[in-house]
Amino acid sequence: MHKLCDINENNRVKVEDLLSDGNLRERMLALGLTKGTYVDVIRKGPRNNLTVYKIRGSKIALRREEGELILVSTM
């Protein structure tokens, strides 16, 4: 498994687990980051600090700190 923040642009991955808890976990679940969800890495920002992902048809920007808490498997 890999951390979402380590996946390069133009790749698709599948969510395997969330390492977050509390309010941050609830936010991630509300964004659709549930086990089995496919995520497309659209664009990485300067210094890879902010990345745009396509999740269930919506584009979402996550900080690197948030991406480190999402475990994914590659396709």
N, C-alpha and C. Protein backbone atom coordinates (compact mmCIF):
# COMPACT_ATOMS: atom_id res chain seq x y z
N MET A 1 0.84 -1.19 0.00
CA MET A 1 0.00 0.00 0.00
C MET A 1 0.88 1.24 0.00
N HIS A 2 0.29 2.32 -0.51
CA HIS A 2 0.98 3.60 -0.62
C HIS A 2 0.14 4.68 0.04
N LYS A 3 0.77 5.80 0.32
CA LYS A 3 0.04 6.97 0.81
C LYS A 3 -0.42 7.76 -0.41
N LEU A 4 -1.61 8.32 -0.34
CA LEU A 4 -2.17 9.05 -1.48
C LEU A 4 -1.26 10.19 -1.91
N CYS A 5 -0.62 10.85 -0.98
CA CYS A 5 0.23 12.00 -1.32
C CYS A 5 1.46 11.60 -2.15
N ASP A 6 1.82 10.32 -2.17
CA ASP A 6 2.99 9.86 -2.90
C ASP A 6 2.69 9.41 -4.33
N ILE A 7 1.43 9.46 -4.73
CA ILE A 7 1.04 9.01 -6.07
C ILE A 7 1.21 10.16 -7.06
N ASN A 8 1.80 9.87 -8.21
CA ASN A 8 2.04 10.89 -9.23
C ASN A 8 0.77 11.25 -9.99
N GLU A 9 0.82 12.38 -10.69
CA GLU A 9 -0.30 12.84 -11.51
C GLU A 9 -0.68 11.80 -12.56
N ASN A 10 -1.92 11.87 -13.00
CA ASN A 10 -2.45 11.01 -14.06
C ASN A 10 -2.46 9.53 -13.69
N ASN A 11 -2.63 9.24 -12.42
CA ASN A 11 -2.76 7.86 -11.95
C ASN A 11 -4.08 7.68 -11.23
N ARG A 12 -4.58 6.46 -11.26
CA ARG A 12 -5.81 6.12 -10.54
C ARG A 12 -5.45 5.11 -9.47
N VAL A 13 -5.99 5.32 -8.28
CA VAL A 13 -5.74 4.43 -7.15
C VAL A 13 -7.06 4.10 -6.47
N LYS A 14 -7.01 3.12 -5.58
CA LYS A 14 -8.21 2.72 -4.83
C LYS A 14 -7.93 2.91 -3.34
N VAL A 15 -8.86 3.54 -2.64
CA VAL A 15 -8.72 3.77 -1.20
C VAL A 15 -8.82 2.44 -0.46
N GLU A 16 -7.84 2.19 0.42
CA GLU A 16 -7.82 0.97 1.22
C GLU A 16 -8.13 1.24 2.69
N ASP A 17 -7.65 2.38 3.22
CA ASP A 17 -7.85 2.66 4.64
C ASP A 17 -7.56 4.12 4.93
N LEU A 18 -8.15 4.64 6.00
CA LEU A 18 -7.88 5.99 6.49
C LEU A 18 -7.18 5.88 7.84
N LEU A 19 -6.11 6.65 8.01
CA LEU A 19 -5.36 6.65 9.26
C LEU A 19 -5.78 7.79 10.17
N SER A 20 -6.72 8.60 9.72
CA SER A 20 -7.16 9.75 10.51
C SER A 20 -8.24 9.34 11.50
N ASP A 21 -8.54 10.26 12.43
CA ASP A 21 -9.63 10.02 13.38
C ASP A 21 -10.31 11.34 13.68
N GLY A 22 -11.36 11.28 14.44
CA GLY A 22 -12.08 12.48 14.85
C GLY A 22 -12.70 13.25 13.69
N ASN A 23 -12.65 14.58 13.79
CA ASN A 23 -13.26 15.45 12.78
C ASN A 23 -12.64 15.29 11.40
N LEU A 24 -11.33 15.09 11.35
CA LEU A 24 -10.68 14.93 10.06
C LEU A 24 -11.17 13.66 9.36
N ARG A 25 -11.33 12.58 10.11
CA ARG A 25 -11.86 11.34 9.52
C ARG A 25 -13.27 11.56 9.00
N GLU A 26 -14.09 12.24 9.76
CA GLU A 26 -15.46 12.52 9.33
C GLU A 26 -15.47 13.35 8.05
N ARG A 27 -14.57 14.32 7.95
CA ARG A 27 -14.48 15.15 6.74
C ARG A 27 -14.10 14.30 5.54
N MET A 28 -13.10 13.44 5.72
CA MET A 28 -12.67 12.57 4.61
C MET A 28 -13.79 11.65 4.15
N LEU A 29 -14.52 11.10 5.09
CA LEU A 29 -15.65 10.23 4.75
C LEU A 29 -16.73 11.02 4.02
N ALA A 30 -16.98 12.25 4.45
CA ALA A 30 -17.98 13.10 3.81
C ALA A 30 -17.57 13.46 2.38
N LEU A 31 -16.26 13.54 2.12
CA LEU A 31 -15.77 13.82 0.77
C LEU A 31 -15.86 12.59 -0.14
N GLY A 32 -16.21 11.46 0.42
CA GLY A 32 -16.36 10.24 -0.37
C GLY A 32 -15.16 9.32 -0.31
N LEU A 33 -14.22 9.58 0.58
CA LEU A 33 -13.02 8.76 0.70
C LEU A 33 -13.29 7.54 1.58
N THR A 34 -14.06 6.62 1.03
CA THR A 34 -14.38 5.39 1.74
C THR A 34 -13.63 4.23 1.08
N LYS A 35 -13.50 3.14 1.80
CA LYS A 35 -12.77 1.99 1.28
C LYS A 35 -13.38 1.53 -0.04
N GLY A 36 -12.52 1.32 -1.03
CA GLY A 36 -12.96 0.86 -2.34
C GLY A 36 -13.20 1.97 -3.35
N THR A 37 -13.18 3.22 -2.92
CA THR A 37 -13.40 4.35 -3.81
C THR A 37 -12.17 4.56 -4.69
N TYR A 38 -12.41 4.84 -5.97
CA TYR A 38 -11.32 5.15 -6.90
C TYR A 38 -11.04 6.64 -6.88
N VAL A 39 -9.75 6.98 -6.89
CA VAL A 39 -9.32 8.38 -6.85
C VAL A 39 -8.35 8.61 -8.00
N ASP A 40 -8.60 9.67 -8.79
CA ASP A 40 -7.69 10.07 -9.85
C ASP A 40 -6.86 11.25 -9.37
N VAL A 41 -5.55 11.18 -9.57
CA VAL A 41 -4.66 12.29 -9.22
C VAL A 41 -4.60 13.21 -10.43
N ILE A 42 -5.16 14.41 -10.29
CA ILE A 42 -5.29 15.34 -11.41
C ILE A 42 -4.06 16.25 -11.54
N ARG A 43 -3.72 16.96 -10.47
CA ARG A 43 -2.64 17.96 -10.57
C ARG A 43 -2.02 18.18 -9.20
N LYS A 44 -0.70 18.31 -9.19
CA LYS A 44 0.03 18.62 -7.96
C LYS A 44 0.43 20.09 -7.99
N GLY A 45 0.33 20.76 -6.86
CA GLY A 45 0.68 22.16 -6.76
C GLY A 45 2.16 22.36 -6.49
N PRO A 46 2.55 23.60 -6.23
CA PRO A 46 3.95 23.91 -5.96
C PRO A 46 4.48 23.08 -4.79
N ARG A 47 5.64 22.52 -4.97
CA ARG A 47 6.31 21.71 -3.94
C ARG A 47 5.44 20.55 -3.44
N ASN A 48 4.47 20.15 -4.26
CA ASN A 48 3.57 19.03 -3.93
C ASN A 48 2.82 19.24 -2.61
N ASN A 49 2.65 20.49 -2.19
CA ASN A 49 1.96 20.75 -0.93
C ASN A 49 0.45 20.60 -1.06
N LEU A 50 -0.09 20.89 -2.23
CA LEU A 50 -1.54 20.81 -2.46
C LEU A 50 -1.76 20.02 -3.73
N THR A 51 -2.66 19.04 -3.68
CA THR A 51 -2.92 18.20 -4.85
C THR A 51 -4.41 18.16 -5.11
N VAL A 52 -4.78 18.19 -6.39
CA VAL A 52 -6.18 18.10 -6.80
C VAL A 52 -6.47 16.66 -7.20
N TYR A 53 -7.54 16.12 -6.63
CA TYR A 53 -7.96 14.74 -6.90
C TYR A 53 -9.38 14.75 -7.43
N LYS A 54 -9.71 13.75 -8.23
CA LYS A 54 -11.10 13.56 -8.67
C LYS A 54 -11.63 12.36 -7.89
N ILE A 55 -12.66 12.63 -7.08
CA ILE A 55 -13.25 11.61 -6.22
C ILE A 55 -14.75 11.58 -6.49
N ARG A 56 -15.23 10.45 -6.99
CA ARG A 56 -16.66 10.28 -7.27
C ARG A 56 -17.23 11.42 -8.10
N GLY A 57 -16.47 11.87 -9.10
CA GLY A 57 -16.95 12.90 -10.02
C GLY A 57 -16.69 14.33 -9.58
N SER A 58 -16.20 14.54 -8.37
CA SER A 58 -15.91 15.88 -7.88
C SER A 58 -14.40 16.09 -7.75
N LYS A 59 -13.97 17.31 -8.01
CA LYS A 59 -12.55 17.64 -7.82
C LYS A 59 -12.36 18.21 -6.43
N ILE A 60 -11.40 17.64 -5.71
CA ILE A 60 -11.13 18.00 -4.32
C ILE A 60 -9.65 18.27 -4.18
N ALA A 61 -9.29 19.35 -3.48
CA ALA A 61 -7.88 19.65 -3.19
C ALA A 61 -7.58 19.24 -1.74
N LEU A 62 -6.50 18.49 -1.57
CA LEU A 62 -6.07 18.07 -0.24
C LEU A 62 -4.62 18.48 -0.01
N ARG A 63 -4.32 18.85 1.22
CA ARG A 63 -2.94 19.16 1.59
C ARG A 63 -2.15 17.86 1.73
N ARG A 64 -0.84 17.98 1.66
CA ARG A 64 0.03 16.80 1.78
C ARG A 64 -0.23 16.08 3.11
N GLU A 65 -0.42 16.84 4.19
CA GLU A 65 -0.65 16.24 5.51
C GLU A 65 -1.90 15.36 5.51
N GLU A 66 -2.91 15.74 4.75
CA GLU A 66 -4.13 14.94 4.67
C GLU A 66 -3.90 13.70 3.80
N GLY A 67 -3.17 13.88 2.69
CA GLY A 67 -2.88 12.76 1.80
C GLY A 67 -2.04 11.68 2.45
N GLU A 68 -1.25 12.06 3.44
CA GLU A 68 -0.43 11.08 4.16
C GLU A 68 -1.26 10.13 5.01
N LEU A 69 -2.49 10.51 5.29
CA LEU A 69 -3.37 9.72 6.15
C LEU A 69 -4.33 8.81 5.37
N ILE A 70 -4.14 8.76 4.04
CA ILE A 70 -5.01 7.94 3.19
C ILE A 70 -4.16 6.87 2.52
N LEU A 71 -4.44 5.62 2.86
CA LEU A 71 -3.70 4.50 2.26
C LEU A 71 -4.44 4.01 1.03
N VAL A 72 -3.68 3.83 -0.06
CA VAL A 72 -4.28 3.43 -1.34
C VAL A 72 -3.49 2.29 -1.96
N SER A 73 -4.14 1.59 -2.89
CA SER A 73 -3.43 0.58 -3.69
C SER A 73 -3.46 1.06 -5.13
N THR A 74 -2.40 0.75 -5.87
CA THR A 74 -2.31 1.17 -7.26
C THR A 74 -3.03 0.18 -8.15
N MET A 75 -3.38 0.64 -9.33
CA MET A 75 -4.15 -0.17 -10.28
C MET A 75 -3.22 -0.99 -11.14
